[in-house]
Amino acid sequence: MSSIVMSLSLGKGLSGMNEVNEVHELLRKHFWEMTNDASLSTGKKSVLPEDAYDFLEEYADKLHVDMTRFEFRKYFPNSGLWFLPNAILPKHMQTDRHKPAALTVDMLIESAKAGRWLYD
C-alpha cells in the first residue's frame, strides 16, 4: 500500500485538510464559523472560558491531540475573587493579572496536524 493511500486510510489527508475540516466543524458545533486567524480568547468575539474548556476537551479527544503542555489560564486567565488578595487564596482561586494570549484557529489546526499542543 502506498504511503499516500496509507495516510488517507488512517484519516490523515493530504496537507492536513482532514484536520482543518475537523477543527472548523468542531468550532461551528460549539461556537460559530471562524476564520483561521480568529482568536477564541481575545478580541470582540472571544468565547467564555467554560465554553472553551468544553470545546478543548472534545477537540483533544476527537482529534487525538496531546494537550498536556497546554496552559488554559494563559489563554483564559482566572478572574478569581478580585476583592480578596491572592496571598490568602489557594492557587486555583487566585486572580490572574495578565492579559490573555491569543488562542487562534491556526494554532488549533497546526497542533491537530502534529497530534500534540505545539505552543508555549
PDB file of N, CA and C in Angstrom:
ATOM      1  N   MET A   1       0.859  -1.175   0.000  1.00  0.00           N
ATOM      2  CA  MET A   1       0.000   0.000   0.000  1.00  0.00           C
ATOM      3  C   MET A   1       0.903   1.235   0.000  1.00  0.00           C
ATOM      4  N   SER A   2       0.641   2.186  -0.889  1.00  0.00           N
ATOM      5  CA  SER A   2       1.479   3.381  -0.946  1.00  0.00           C
ATOM      6  C   SER A   2       1.297   4.220   0.311  1.00  0.00           C
ATOM      7  N   SER A   3       2.288   5.081   0.588  1.00  0.00           N
ATOM      8  CA  SER A   3       2.219   5.888   1.808  1.00  0.00           C
ATOM      9  C   SER A   3       1.056   6.879   1.770  1.00  0.00           C
ATOM     10  N   ILE A   4       0.712   7.381   0.575  1.00  0.00           N
ATOM     11  CA  ILE A   4      -0.415   8.318   0.471  1.00  0.00           C
ATOM     12  C   ILE A   4      -1.722   7.596   0.783  1.00  0.00           C
ATOM     13  N   VAL A   5      -1.910   6.433   0.193  1.00  0.00           N
ATOM     14  CA  VAL A   5      -3.123   5.666   0.461  1.00  0.00           C
ATOM     15  C   VAL A   5      -3.176   5.288   1.931  1.00  0.00           C
ATOM     16  N   MET A   6      -2.025   4.892   2.490  1.00  0.00           N
ATOM     17  CA  MET A   6      -1.989   4.515   3.901  1.00  0.00           C
ATOM     18  C   MET A   6      -2.351   5.705   4.781  1.00  0.00           C
ATOM     19  N   SER A   7      -1.802   6.895   4.474  1.00  0.00           N
ATOM     20  CA  SER A   7      -2.110   8.055   5.312  1.00  0.00           C
ATOM     21  C   SER A   7      -3.576   8.439   5.191  1.00  0.00           C
ATOM     22  N   LEU A   8      -4.155   8.295   3.993  1.00  0.00           N
ATOM     23  CA  LEU A   8      -5.572   8.593   3.836  1.00  0.00           C
ATOM     24  C   LEU A   8      -6.428   7.585   4.588  1.00  0.00           C
ATOM     25  N   SER A   9      -6.025   6.331   4.580  1.00  0.00           N
ATOM     26  CA  SER A   9      -6.809   5.325   5.288  1.00  0.00           C
ATOM     27  C   SER A   9      -6.725   5.498   6.794  1.00  0.00           C
ATOM     28  N   LEU A  10      -5.673   6.149   7.272  1.00  0.00           N
ATOM     29  CA  LEU A  10      -5.539   6.419   8.697  1.00  0.00           C
ATOM     30  C   LEU A  10      -6.222   7.718   9.099  1.00  0.00           C
ATOM     31  N   GLY A  11      -6.862   8.382   8.136  1.00  0.00           N
ATOM     32  CA  GLY A  11      -7.594   9.598   8.450  1.00  0.00           C
ATOM     33  C   GLY A  11      -6.764  10.859   8.327  1.00  0.00           C
ATOM     34  N   LYS A  12      -5.544  10.760   7.824  1.00  0.00           N
ATOM     35  CA  LYS A  12      -4.686  11.922   7.658  1.00  0.00           C
ATOM     36  C   LYS A  12      -4.647  12.268   6.179  1.00  0.00           C
ATOM     37  N   GLY A  13      -5.383  13.285   5.785  1.00  0.00           N
ATOM     38  CA  GLY A  13      -5.463  13.658   4.390  1.00  0.00           C
ATOM     39  C   GLY A  13      -4.216  14.378   3.923  1.00  0.00           C
ATOM     40  N   LEU A  14      -4.142  14.626   2.626  1.00  0.00           N
ATOM     41  CA  LEU A  14      -3.020  15.357   2.072  1.00  0.00           C
ATOM     42  C   LEU A  14      -2.972  16.746   2.674  1.00  0.00           C
ATOM     43  N   SER A  15      -1.813  17.184   3.081  1.00  0.00           N
ATOM     44  CA  SER A  15      -1.544  18.500   3.669  1.00  0.00           C
ATOM     45  C   SER A  15      -2.455  18.836   4.843  1.00  0.00           C
ATOM     46  N   GLY A  16      -2.948  17.828   5.536  1.00  0.00           N
ATOM     47  CA  GLY A  16      -3.709  18.066   6.754  1.00  0.00           C
ATOM     48  C   GLY A  16      -5.107  18.617   6.545  1.00  0.00           C
ATOM     49  N   MET A  17      -5.664  18.462   5.360  1.00  0.00           N
ATOM     50  CA  MET A  17      -7.005  19.012   5.110  1.00  0.00           C
ATOM     51  C   MET A  17      -8.056  18.386   6.024  1.00  0.00           C
ATOM     52  N   ASN A  18      -7.873  17.132   6.381  1.00  0.00           N
ATOM     53  CA  ASN A  18      -8.817  16.477   7.280  1.00  0.00           C
ATOM     54  C   ASN A  18      -8.867  17.204   8.621  1.00  0.00           C
ATOM     55  N   GLU A  19      -7.702  17.541   9.174  1.00  0.00           N
ATOM     56  CA  GLU A  19      -7.645  18.244  10.450  1.00  0.00           C
ATOM     57  C   GLU A  19      -8.261  19.631  10.344  1.00  0.00           C
ATOM     58  N   VAL A  20      -7.980  20.319   9.241  1.00  0.00           N
ATOM     59  CA  VAL A  20      -8.544  21.658   9.031  1.00  0.00           C
ATOM     60  C   VAL A  20     -10.068  21.580   9.072  1.00  0.00           C
ATOM     61  N   ASN A  21     -10.617  20.643   8.318  1.00  0.00           N
ATOM     62  CA  ASN A  21     -12.076  20.494   8.265  1.00  0.00           C
ATOM     63  C   ASN A  21     -12.651  20.102   9.619  1.00  0.00           C
ATOM     64  N   GLU A  22     -11.985  19.180  10.318  1.00  0.00           N
ATOM     65  CA  GLU A  22     -12.499  18.732  11.616  1.00  0.00           C
ATOM     66  C   GLU A  22     -12.457  19.841  12.660  1.00  0.00           C
ATOM     67  N   VAL A  23     -11.397  20.652  12.653  1.00  0.00           N
ATOM     68  CA  VAL A  23     -11.319  21.775  13.595  1.00  0.00           C
ATOM     69  C   VAL A  23     -12.453  22.757  13.314  1.00  0.00           C
ATOM     70  N   HIS A  24     -12.655  23.094  12.053  1.00  0.00           N
ATOM     71  CA  HIS A  24     -13.730  24.033  11.706  1.00  0.00           C
ATOM     72  C   HIS A  24     -15.109  23.452  12.025  1.00  0.00           C
ATOM     73  N   GLU A  25     -15.274  22.162  11.828  1.00  0.00           N
ATOM     74  CA  GLU A  25     -16.546  21.511  12.168  1.00  0.00           C
ATOM     75  C   GLU A  25     -16.823  21.611  13.672  1.00  0.00           C
ATOM     76  N   LEU A  26     -15.800  21.369  14.484  1.00  0.00           N
ATOM     77  CA  LEU A  26     -15.960  21.489  15.941  1.00  0.00           C
ATOM     78  C   LEU A  26     -16.248  22.925  16.359  1.00  0.00           C
ATOM     79  N   LEU A  27     -15.567  23.872  15.727  1.00  0.00           N
ATOM     80  CA  LEU A  27     -15.806  25.283  16.046  1.00  0.00           C
ATOM     81  C   LEU A  27     -17.256  25.666  15.754  1.00  0.00           C
ATOM     82  N   ARG A  28     -17.760  25.232  14.598  1.00  0.00           N
ATOM     83  CA  ARG A  28     -19.166  25.533  14.253  1.00  0.00           C
ATOM     84  C   ARG A  28     -20.116  24.870  15.243  1.00  0.00           C
ATOM     85  N   LYS A  29     -19.795  23.665  15.673  1.00  0.00           N
ATOM     86  CA  LYS A  29     -20.650  22.951  16.626  1.00  0.00           C
ATOM     87  C   LYS A  29     -20.724  23.687  17.961  1.00  0.00           C
ATOM     88  N   HIS A  30     -19.587  24.192  18.435  1.00  0.00           N
ATOM     89  CA  HIS A  30     -19.530  24.814  19.758  1.00  0.00           C
ATOM     90  C   HIS A  30     -19.776  26.326  19.733  1.00  0.00           C
ATOM     91  N   PHE A  31     -19.378  26.994  18.641  1.00  0.00           N
ATOM     92  CA  PHE A  31     -19.440  28.462  18.606  1.00  0.00           C
ATOM     93  C   PHE A  31     -20.099  28.953  17.323  1.00  0.00           C
ATOM     94  N   TRP A  32     -19.297  29.329  16.354  1.00  0.00           N
ATOM     95  CA  TRP A  32     -19.754  29.872  15.084  1.00  0.00           C
ATOM     96  C   TRP A  32     -18.624  29.676  14.083  1.00  0.00           C
ATOM     97  N   GLU A  33     -18.874  30.018  12.832  1.00  0.00           N
ATOM     98  CA  GLU A  33     -17.848  29.928  11.785  1.00  0.00           C
ATOM     99  C   GLU A  33     -16.747  30.936  12.094  1.00  0.00           C
ATOM    100  N   MET A  34     -15.500  30.478  12.078  1.00  0.00           N
ATOM    101  CA  MET A  34     -14.357  31.355  12.360  1.00  0.00           C
ATOM    102  C   MET A  34     -13.318  31.212  11.258  1.00  0.00           C
ATOM    103  N   THR A  35     -12.627  32.309  10.975  1.00  0.00           N
ATOM    104  CA  THR A  35     -11.505  32.257  10.045  1.00  0.00           C
ATOM    105  C   THR A  35     -10.288  31.694  10.774  1.00  0.00           C
ATOM    106  N   ASN A  36      -9.282  31.287  10.018  1.00  0.00           N
ATOM    107  CA  ASN A  36      -8.093  30.680  10.629  1.00  0.00           C
ATOM    108  C   ASN A  36      -7.319  31.642  11.520  1.00  0.00           C
ATOM    109  N   ASP A  37      -7.426  32.938  11.273  1.00  0.00           N
ATOM    110  CA  ASP A  37      -6.697  33.896  12.109  1.00  0.00           C
ATOM    111  C   ASP A  37      -7.529  34.399  13.296  1.00  0.00           C
ATOM    112  N   ALA A  38      -8.748  33.913  13.433  1.00  0.00           N
ATOM    113  CA  ALA A  38      -9.610  34.322  14.553  1.00  0.00           C
ATOM    114  C   ALA A  38      -9.080  33.757  15.868  1.00  0.00           C
ATOM    115  N   SER A  39      -9.278  34.527  16.939  1.00  0.00           N
ATOM    116  CA  SER A  39      -8.850  34.104  18.272  1.00  0.00           C
ATOM    117  C   SER A  39     -10.064  33.759  19.122  1.00  0.00           C
ATOM    118  N   LEU A  40      -9.957  32.659  19.838  1.00  0.00           N
ATOM    119  CA  LEU A  40     -11.029  32.262  20.751  1.00  0.00           C
ATOM    120  C   LEU A  40     -10.947  33.025  22.066  1.00  0.00           C
ATOM    121  N   SER A  41      -9.756  33.529  22.410  1.00  0.00           N
ATOM    122  CA  SER A  41      -9.531  34.093  23.742  1.00  0.00           C
ATOM    123  C   SER A  41      -9.396  35.608  23.785  1.00  0.00           C
ATOM    124  N   THR A  42      -9.220  36.244  22.641  1.00  0.00           N
ATOM    125  CA  THR A  42      -9.042  37.699  22.615  1.00  0.00           C
ATOM    126  C   THR A  42      -9.949  38.312  21.553  1.00  0.00           C
ATOM    127  N   GLY A  43     -10.088  39.614  21.617  1.00  0.00           N
ATOM    128  CA  GLY A  43     -10.887  40.318  20.627  1.00  0.00           C
ATOM    129  C   GLY A  43     -12.335  40.469  21.053  1.00  0.00           C
ATOM    130  N   LYS A  44     -13.119  41.058  20.169  1.00  0.00           N
ATOM    131  CA  LYS A  44     -14.519  41.356  20.476  1.00  0.00           C
ATOM    132  C   LYS A  44     -15.396  40.111  20.522  1.00  0.00           C
ATOM    133  N   LYS A  45     -14.998  39.044  19.830  1.00  0.00           N
ATOM    134  CA  LYS A  45     -15.820  37.829  19.787  1.00  0.00           C
ATOM    135  C   LYS A  45     -15.110  36.669  20.473  1.00  0.00           C
ATOM    136  N   SER A  46     -14.547  36.927  21.640  1.00  0.00           N
ATOM    137  CA  SER A  46     -13.911  35.831  22.376  1.00  0.00           C
ATOM    138  C   SER A  46     -14.993  34.970  23.025  1.00  0.00           C
ATOM    139  N   VAL A  47     -14.633  33.733  23.316  1.00  0.00           N
ATOM    140  CA  VAL A  47     -15.605  32.799  23.894  1.00  0.00           C
ATOM    141  C   VAL A  47     -15.435  32.738  25.406  1.00  0.00           C
ATOM    142  N   LEU A  48     -16.458  32.292  26.089  1.00  0.00           N
ATOM    143  CA  LEU A  48     -16.403  32.151  27.544  1.00  0.00           C
ATOM    144  C   LEU A  48     -15.454  31.017  27.921  1.00  0.00           C
ATOM    145  N   PRO A  49     -14.713  31.180  29.013  1.00  0.00           N
ATOM    146  CA  PRO A  49     -13.767  30.135  29.424  1.00  0.00           C
ATOM    147  C   PRO A  49     -14.408  28.759  29.586  1.00  0.00           C
ATOM    148  N   GLU A  50     -15.592  28.702  30.173  1.00  0.00           N
ATOM    149  CA  GLU A  50     -16.227  27.392  30.376  1.00  0.00           C
ATOM    150  C   GLU A  50     -16.625  26.743  29.058  1.00  0.00           C
ATOM    151  N   ASP A  51     -17.011  27.558  28.069  1.00  0.00           N
ATOM    152  CA  ASP A  51     -17.322  27.026  26.740  1.00  0.00           C
ATOM    153  C   ASP A  51     -16.047  26.574  26.033  1.00  0.00           C
ATOM    154  N   ALA A  52     -14.976  27.348  26.202  1.00  0.00           N
ATOM    155  CA  ALA A  52     -13.687  26.974  25.613  1.00  0.00           C
ATOM    156  C   ALA A  52     -13.190  25.662  26.201  1.00  0.00           C
ATOM    157  N   TYR A  53     -13.375  25.480  27.492  1.00  0.00           N
ATOM    158  CA  TYR A  53     -12.936  24.255  28.156  1.00  0.00           C
ATOM    159  C   TYR A  53     -13.646  23.034  27.563  1.00  0.00           C
ATOM    160  N   ASP A  54     -14.961  23.139  27.398  1.00  0.00           N
ATOM    161  CA  ASP A  54     -15.734  22.038  26.807  1.00  0.00           C
ATOM    162  C   ASP A  54     -15.275  21.756  25.378  1.00  0.00           C
ATOM    163  N   PHE A  55     -15.074  22.830  24.603  1.00  0.00           N
ATOM    164  CA  PHE A  55     -14.600  22.679  23.228  1.00  0.00           C
ATOM    165  C   PHE A  55     -13.243  21.983  23.194  1.00  0.00           C
ATOM    166  N   LEU A  56     -12.305  22.436  24.036  1.00  0.00           N
ATOM    167  CA  LEU A  56     -10.950  21.883  24.024  1.00  0.00           C
ATOM    168  C   LEU A  56     -10.923  20.420  24.456  1.00  0.00           C
ATOM    169  N   GLU A  57     -11.806  20.044  25.356  1.00  0.00           N
ATOM    170  CA  GLU A  57     -11.901  18.626  25.738  1.00  0.00           C
ATOM    171  C   GLU A  57     -12.305  17.771  24.537  1.00  0.00           C
ATOM    172  N   GLU A  58     -13.316  18.213  23.816  1.00  0.00           N
ATOM    173  CA  GLU A  58     -13.757  17.451  22.642  1.00  0.00           C
ATOM    174  C   GLU A  58     -12.712  17.505  21.535  1.00  0.00           C
ATOM    175  N   TYR A  59     -12.083  18.657  21.348  1.00  0.00           N
ATOM    176  CA  TYR A  59     -11.017  18.817  20.352  1.00  0.00           C
ATOM    177  C   TYR A  59      -9.898  17.809  20.608  1.00  0.00           C
ATOM    178  N   ALA A  60      -9.413  17.738  21.839  1.00  0.00           N
ATOM    179  CA  ALA A  60      -8.318  16.822  22.183  1.00  0.00           C
ATOM    180  C   ALA A  60      -8.734  15.370  21.997  1.00  0.00           C
ATOM    181  N   ASP A  61      -9.958  15.051  22.385  1.00  0.00           N
ATOM    182  CA  ASP A  61     -10.441  13.673  22.298  1.00  0.00           C
ATOM    183  C   ASP A  61     -10.687  13.254  20.850  1.00  0.00           C
ATOM    184  N   LYS A  62     -11.400  14.076  20.113  1.00  0.00           N
ATOM    185  CA  LYS A  62     -11.787  13.710  18.746  1.00  0.00           C
ATOM    186  C   LYS A  62     -10.602  13.712  17.789  1.00  0.00           C
ATOM    187  N   LEU A  63      -9.695  14.675  17.960  1.00  0.00           N
ATOM    188  CA  LEU A  63      -8.565  14.797  17.034  1.00  0.00           C
ATOM    189  C   LEU A  63      -7.283  14.159  17.577  1.00  0.00           C
ATOM    190  N   HIS A  64      -7.376  13.541  18.737  1.00  0.00           N
ATOM    191  CA  HIS A  64      -6.234  12.843  19.350  1.00  0.00           C
ATOM    192  C   HIS A  64      -5.028  13.770  19.515  1.00  0.00           C
ATOM    193  N   VAL A  65      -5.274  14.917  20.147  1.00  0.00           N
ATOM    194  CA  VAL A  65      -4.222  15.907  20.391  1.00  0.00           C
ATOM    195  C   VAL A  65      -3.804  15.818  21.852  1.00  0.00           C
ATOM    196  N   ASP A  66      -2.517  15.604  22.087  1.00  0.00           N
ATOM    197  CA  ASP A  66      -1.971  15.569  23.447  1.00  0.00           C
ATOM    198  C   ASP A  66      -1.891  17.010  23.952  1.00  0.00           C
ATOM    199  N   MET A  67      -2.714  17.332  24.944  1.00  0.00           N
ATOM    200  CA  MET A  67      -2.793  18.700  25.460  1.00  0.00           C
ATOM    201  C   MET A  67      -2.069  18.864  26.797  1.00  0.00           C
ATOM    202  N   THR A  68      -1.171  17.966  27.149  1.00  0.00           N
ATOM    203  CA  THR A  68      -0.513  18.040  28.456  1.00  0.00           C
ATOM    204  C   THR A  68       0.303  19.320  28.614  1.00  0.00           C
ATOM    205  N   ARG A  69       0.801  19.902  27.533  1.00  0.00           N
ATOM    206  CA  ARG A  69       1.582  21.144  27.622  1.00  0.00           C
ATOM    207  C   ARG A  69       0.719  22.402  27.490  1.00  0.00           C
ATOM    208  N   PHE A  70      -0.576  22.243  27.280  1.00  0.00           N
ATOM    209  CA  PHE A  70      -1.474  23.385  27.112  1.00  0.00           C
ATOM    210  C   PHE A  70      -1.759  24.028  28.463  1.00  0.00           C
ATOM    211  N   GLU A  71      -1.564  25.342  28.548  1.00  0.00           N
ATOM    212  CA  GLU A  71      -1.830  26.092  29.780  1.00  0.00           C
ATOM    213  C   GLU A  71      -3.108  26.915  29.589  1.00  0.00           C
ATOM    214  N   PHE A  72      -4.213  26.374  30.052  1.00  0.00           N
ATOM    215  CA  PHE A  72      -5.518  27.001  29.853  1.00  0.00           C
ATOM    216  C   PHE A  72      -5.538  28.439  30.361  1.00  0.00           C
ATOM    217  N   ARG A  73      -4.961  28.677  31.530  1.00  0.00           N
ATOM    218  CA  ARG A  73      -5.024  30.012  32.138  1.00  0.00           C
ATOM    219  C   ARG A  73      -4.180  31.044  31.398  1.00  0.00           C
ATOM    220  N   LYS A  74      -3.284  30.612  30.529  1.00  0.00           N
ATOM    221  CA  LYS A  74      -2.536  31.553  29.692  1.00  0.00           C
ATOM    222  C   LYS A  74      -3.491  32.234  28.708  1.00  0.00           C
ATOM    223  N   TYR A  75      -4.445  31.478  28.204  1.00  0.00           N
ATOM    224  CA  TYR A  75      -5.388  31.980  27.205  1.00  0.00           C
ATOM    225  C   TYR A  75      -6.703  32.464  27.821  1.00  0.00           C
ATOM    226  N   PHE A  76      -7.050  31.895  28.959  1.00  0.00           N
ATOM    227  CA  PHE A  76      -8.283  32.264  29.658  1.00  0.00           C
ATOM    228  C   PHE A  76      -7.948  32.492  31.131  1.00  0.00           C
ATOM    229  N   PRO A  77      -7.385  33.684  31.446  1.00  0.00           N
ATOM    230  CA  PRO A  77      -6.978  33.964  32.832  1.00  0.00           C
ATOM    231  C   PRO A  77      -8.146  33.847  33.806  1.00  0.00           C
ATOM    232  N   ASN A  78      -7.838  33.353  34.976  1.00  0.00           N
ATOM    233  CA  ASN A  78      -8.839  33.200  36.028  1.00  0.00           C
ATOM    234  C   ASN A  78      -9.195  34.574  36.592  1.00  0.00           C
ATOM    235  N   SER A  79     -10.472  34.898  36.591  1.00  0.00           N
ATOM    236  CA  SER A  79     -10.898  36.184  37.156  1.00  0.00           C
ATOM    237  C   SER A  79     -10.887  36.132  38.675  1.00  0.00           C
ATOM    238  N   GLY A  80     -10.890  34.938  39.231  1.00  0.00           N
ATOM    239  CA  GLY A  80     -10.734  34.756  40.676  1.00  0.00           C
ATOM    240  C   GLY A  80     -11.734  35.531  41.504  1.00  0.00           C
ATOM    241  N   LEU A  81     -11.329  35.781  42.729  1.00  0.00           N
ATOM    242  CA  LEU A  81     -12.119  36.594  43.664  1.00  0.00           C
ATOM    243  C   LEU A  81     -11.381  37.923  43.803  1.00  0.00           C
ATOM    244  N   TRP A  82     -11.684  38.846  42.907  1.00  0.00           N
ATOM    245  CA  TRP A  82     -10.933  40.089  42.778  1.00  0.00           C
ATOM    246  C   TRP A  82     -10.896  40.906  44.059  1.00  0.00           C
ATOM    247  N   PHE A  83     -11.847  40.725  44.948  1.00  0.00           N
ATOM    248  CA  PHE A  83     -11.907  41.536  46.169  1.00  0.00           C
ATOM    249  C   PHE A  83     -11.067  40.949  47.303  1.00  0.00           C
ATOM    250  N   LEU A  84     -10.485  39.763  47.100  1.00  0.00           N
ATOM    251  CA  LEU A  84      -9.614  39.154  48.110  1.00  0.00           C
ATOM    252  C   LEU A  84      -8.185  39.090  47.582  1.00  0.00           C
ATOM    253  N   PRO A  85      -7.196  39.319  48.440  1.00  0.00           N
ATOM    254  CA  PRO A  85      -5.804  39.240  47.979  1.00  0.00           C
ATOM    255  C   PRO A  85      -5.409  37.795  47.656  1.00  0.00           C
ATOM    256  N   ASN A  86      -4.612  37.628  46.606  1.00  0.00           N
ATOM    257  CA  ASN A  86      -4.161  36.302  46.190  1.00  0.00           C
ATOM    258  C   ASN A  86      -3.423  35.561  47.298  1.00  0.00           C
ATOM    259  N   ALA A  87      -2.750  36.289  48.174  1.00  0.00           N
ATOM    260  CA  ALA A  87      -1.931  35.662  49.220  1.00  0.00           C
ATOM    261  C   ALA A  87      -2.738  34.751  50.143  1.00  0.00           C
ATOM    262  N   ILE A  88      -4.029  35.020  50.294  1.00  0.00           N
ATOM    263  CA  ILE A  88      -4.825  34.203  51.218  1.00  0.00           C
ATOM    264  C   ILE A  88      -5.656  33.129  50.506  1.00  0.00           C
ATOM    265  N   LEU A  89      -5.561  33.084  49.183  1.00  0.00           N
ATOM    266  CA  LEU A  89      -6.373  32.151  48.402  1.00  0.00           C
ATOM    267  C   LEU A  89      -5.548  30.961  47.919  1.00  0.00           C
ATOM    268  N   PRO A  90      -6.169  29.785  47.797  1.00  0.00           N
ATOM    269  CA  PRO A  90      -5.470  28.669  47.158  1.00  0.00           C
ATOM    270  C   PRO A  90      -5.202  29.011  45.691  1.00  0.00           C
ATOM    271  N   LYS A  91      -4.185  28.410  45.105  1.00  0.00           N
ATOM    272  CA  LYS A  91      -3.745  28.744  43.743  1.00  0.00           C
ATOM    273  C   LYS A  91      -4.891  28.714  42.721  1.00  0.00           C
ATOM    274  N   HIS A  92      -5.760  27.714  42.785  1.00  0.00           N
ATOM    275  CA  HIS A  92      -6.820  27.588  41.773  1.00  0.00           C
ATOM    276  C   HIS A  92      -7.884  28.686  41.876  1.00  0.00           C
ATOM    277  N   MET A  93      -7.890  29.445  42.966  1.00  0.00           N
ATOM    278  CA  MET A  93      -8.870  30.522  43.133  1.00  0.00           C
ATOM    279  C   MET A  93      -8.252  31.910  42.959  1.00  0.00           C
ATOM    280  N   GLN A  94      -6.941  31.964  42.773  1.00  0.00           N
ATOM    281  CA  GLN A  94      -6.267  33.255  42.664  1.00  0.00           C
ATOM    282  C   GLN A  94      -6.597  33.945  41.341  1.00  0.00           C
ATOM    283  N   THR A  95      -6.589  35.271  41.388  1.00  0.00           N
ATOM    284  CA  THR A  95      -6.838  36.071  40.203  1.00  0.00           C
ATOM    285  C   THR A  95      -5.569  36.158  39.370  1.00  0.00           C
ATOM    286  N   ASP A  96      -5.685  35.860  38.068  1.00  0.00           N
ATOM    287  CA  ASP A  96      -4.559  36.052  37.151  1.00  0.00           C
ATOM    288  C   ASP A  96      -4.555  37.515  36.734  1.00  0.00           C
ATOM    289  N   ARG A  97      -3.397  38.109  36.755  1.00  0.00           N
ATOM    290  CA  ARG A  97      -3.304  39.547  36.476  1.00  0.00           C
ATOM    291  C   ARG A  97      -2.666  39.837  35.115  1.00  0.00           C
ATOM    292  N   HIS A  98      -2.743  38.894  34.198  1.00  0.00           N
ATOM    293  CA  HIS A  98      -2.193  39.107  32.858  1.00  0.00           C
ATOM    294  C   HIS A  98      -3.316  39.116  31.819  1.00  0.00           C
ATOM    295  N   LYS A  99      -3.016  39.737  30.689  1.00  0.00           N
ATOM    296  CA  LYS A  99      -3.968  39.734  29.578  1.00  0.00           C
ATOM    297  C   LYS A  99      -3.900  38.366  28.905  1.00  0.00           C
ATOM    298  N   PRO A 100      -5.015  37.895  28.383  1.00  0.00           N
ATOM    299  CA  PRO A 100      -4.993  36.584  27.722  1.00  0.00           C
ATOM    300  C   PRO A 100      -4.172  36.608  26.437  1.00  0.00           C
ATOM    301  N   ALA A 101      -3.457  35.524  26.205  1.00  0.00           N
ATOM    302  CA  ALA A 101      -2.757  35.342  24.934  1.00  0.00           C
ATOM    303  C   ALA A 101      -3.788  34.913  23.892  1.00  0.00           C
ATOM    304  N   ALA A 102      -3.501  35.193  22.642  1.00  0.00           N
ATOM    305  CA  ALA A 102      -4.415  34.813  21.565  1.00  0.00           C
ATOM    306  C   ALA A 102      -4.342  33.306  21.319  1.00  0.00           C
ATOM    307  N   LEU A 103      -5.487  32.657  21.353  1.00  0.00           N
ATOM    308  CA  LEU A 103      -5.614  31.239  21.010  1.00  0.00           C
ATOM    309  C   LEU A 103      -6.328  31.192  19.663  1.00  0.00           C
ATOM    310  N   THR A 104      -5.549  31.044  18.587  1.00  0.00           N
ATOM    311  CA  THR A 104      -6.115  31.151  17.249  1.00  0.00           C
ATOM    312  C   THR A 104      -6.515  29.797  16.672  1.00  0.00           C
ATOM    313  N   VAL A 105      -7.370  29.864  15.684  1.00  0.00           N
ATOM    314  CA  VAL A 105      -7.794  28.667  14.967  1.00  0.00           C
ATOM    315  C   VAL A 105      -6.585  28.014  14.304  1.00  0.00           C
ATOM    316  N   ASP A 106      -5.675  28.817  13.750  1.00  0.00           N
ATOM    317  CA  ASP A 106      -4.448  28.270  13.150  1.00  0.00           C
ATOM    318  C   ASP A 106      -3.660  27.427  14.146  1.00  0.00           C
ATOM    319  N   MET A 107      -3.569  27.879  15.387  1.00  0.00           N
ATOM    320  CA  MET A 107      -2.852  27.128  16.419  1.00  0.00           C
ATOM    321  C   MET A 107      -3.520  25.774  16.650  1.00  0.00           C
ATOM    322  N   LEU A 108      -4.836  25.763  16.670  1.00  0.00           N
ATOM    323  CA  LEU A 108      -5.582  24.517  16.854  1.00  0.00           C
ATOM    324  C   LEU A 108      -5.353  23.563  15.682  1.00  0.00           C
ATOM    325  N   ILE A 109      -5.352  24.104  14.473  1.00  0.00           N
ATOM    326  CA  ILE A 109      -5.157  23.283  13.275  1.00  0.00           C
ATOM    327  C   ILE A 109      -3.752  22.685  13.254  1.00  0.00           C
ATOM    328  N   GLU A 110      -2.733  23.516  13.468  1.00  0.00           N
ATOM    329  CA  GLU A 110      -1.350  23.024  13.427  1.00  0.00           C
ATOM    330  C   GLU A 110      -1.097  21.984  14.510  1.00  0.00           C
ATOM    331  N   SER A 111      -1.659  22.183  15.682  1.00  0.00           N
ATOM    332  CA  SER A 111      -1.497  21.205  16.762  1.00  0.00           C
ATOM    333  C   SER A 111      -2.232  19.909  16.437  1.00  0.00           C
ATOM    334  N   ALA A 112      -3.387  20.006  15.789  1.00  0.00           N
ATOM    335  CA  ALA A 112      -4.117  18.797  15.388  1.00  0.00           C
ATOM    336  C   ALA A 112      -3.308  18.001  14.369  1.00  0.00           C
ATOM    337  N   LYS A 113      -2.654  18.693  13.448  1.00  0.00           N
ATOM    338  CA  LYS A 113      -1.808  18.006  12.461  1.00  0.00           C
ATOM    339  C   LYS A 113      -0.656  17.283  13.141  1.00  0.00           C
ATOM    340  N   ALA A 114      -0.089  17.908  14.177  1.00  0.00           N
ATOM    341  CA  ALA A 114       1.068  17.337  14.878  1.00  0.00           C
ATOM    342  C   ALA A 114       0.669  16.282  15.906  1.00  0.00           C
ATOM    343  N   GLY A 115      -0.585  16.325  16.355  1.00  0.00           N
ATOM    344  CA  GLY A 115      -1.040  15.375  17.361  1.00  0.00           C
ATOM    345  C   GLY A 115      -0.670  15.758  18.782  1.00  0.00           C
ATOM    346  N   ARG A 116      -0.173  16.985  18.955  1.00  0.00           N
ATOM    347  CA  ARG A 116       0.183  17.477  20.295  1.00  0.00           C
ATOM    348  C   ARG A 116       0.141  19.000  20.270  1.00  0.00           C
ATOM    349  N   TRP A 117      -0.007  19.601  21.462  1.00  0.00           N
ATOM    350  CA  TRP A 117      -0.036  21.060  21.552  1.00  0.00           C
ATOM    351  C   TRP A 117       1.364  21.584  21.272  1.00  0.00           C
ATOM    352  N   LEU A 118       1.489  22.489  20.306  1.00  0.00           N
ATOM    353  CA  LEU A 118       2.792  22.957  19.830  1.00  0.00           C
ATOM    354  C   LEU A 118       3.272  24.255  20.456  1.00  0.00           C
ATOM    355  N   TYR A 119       2.441  24.942  21.197  1.00  0.00           N
ATOM    356  CA  TYR A 119       2.756  26.309  21.612  1.00  0.00           C
ATOM    357  C   TYR A 119       2.942  26.405  23.117  1.00  0.00           C
ATOM    358  N   ASP A 120       3.881  27.278  23.521  1.00  0.00           N
ATOM    359  CA  ASP A 120       4.134  27.505  24.957  1.00  0.00           C
ATOM    360  C   ASP A 120       3.250  28.596  25.492  1.00  0.00           C
TER     361      ASP A 120
END
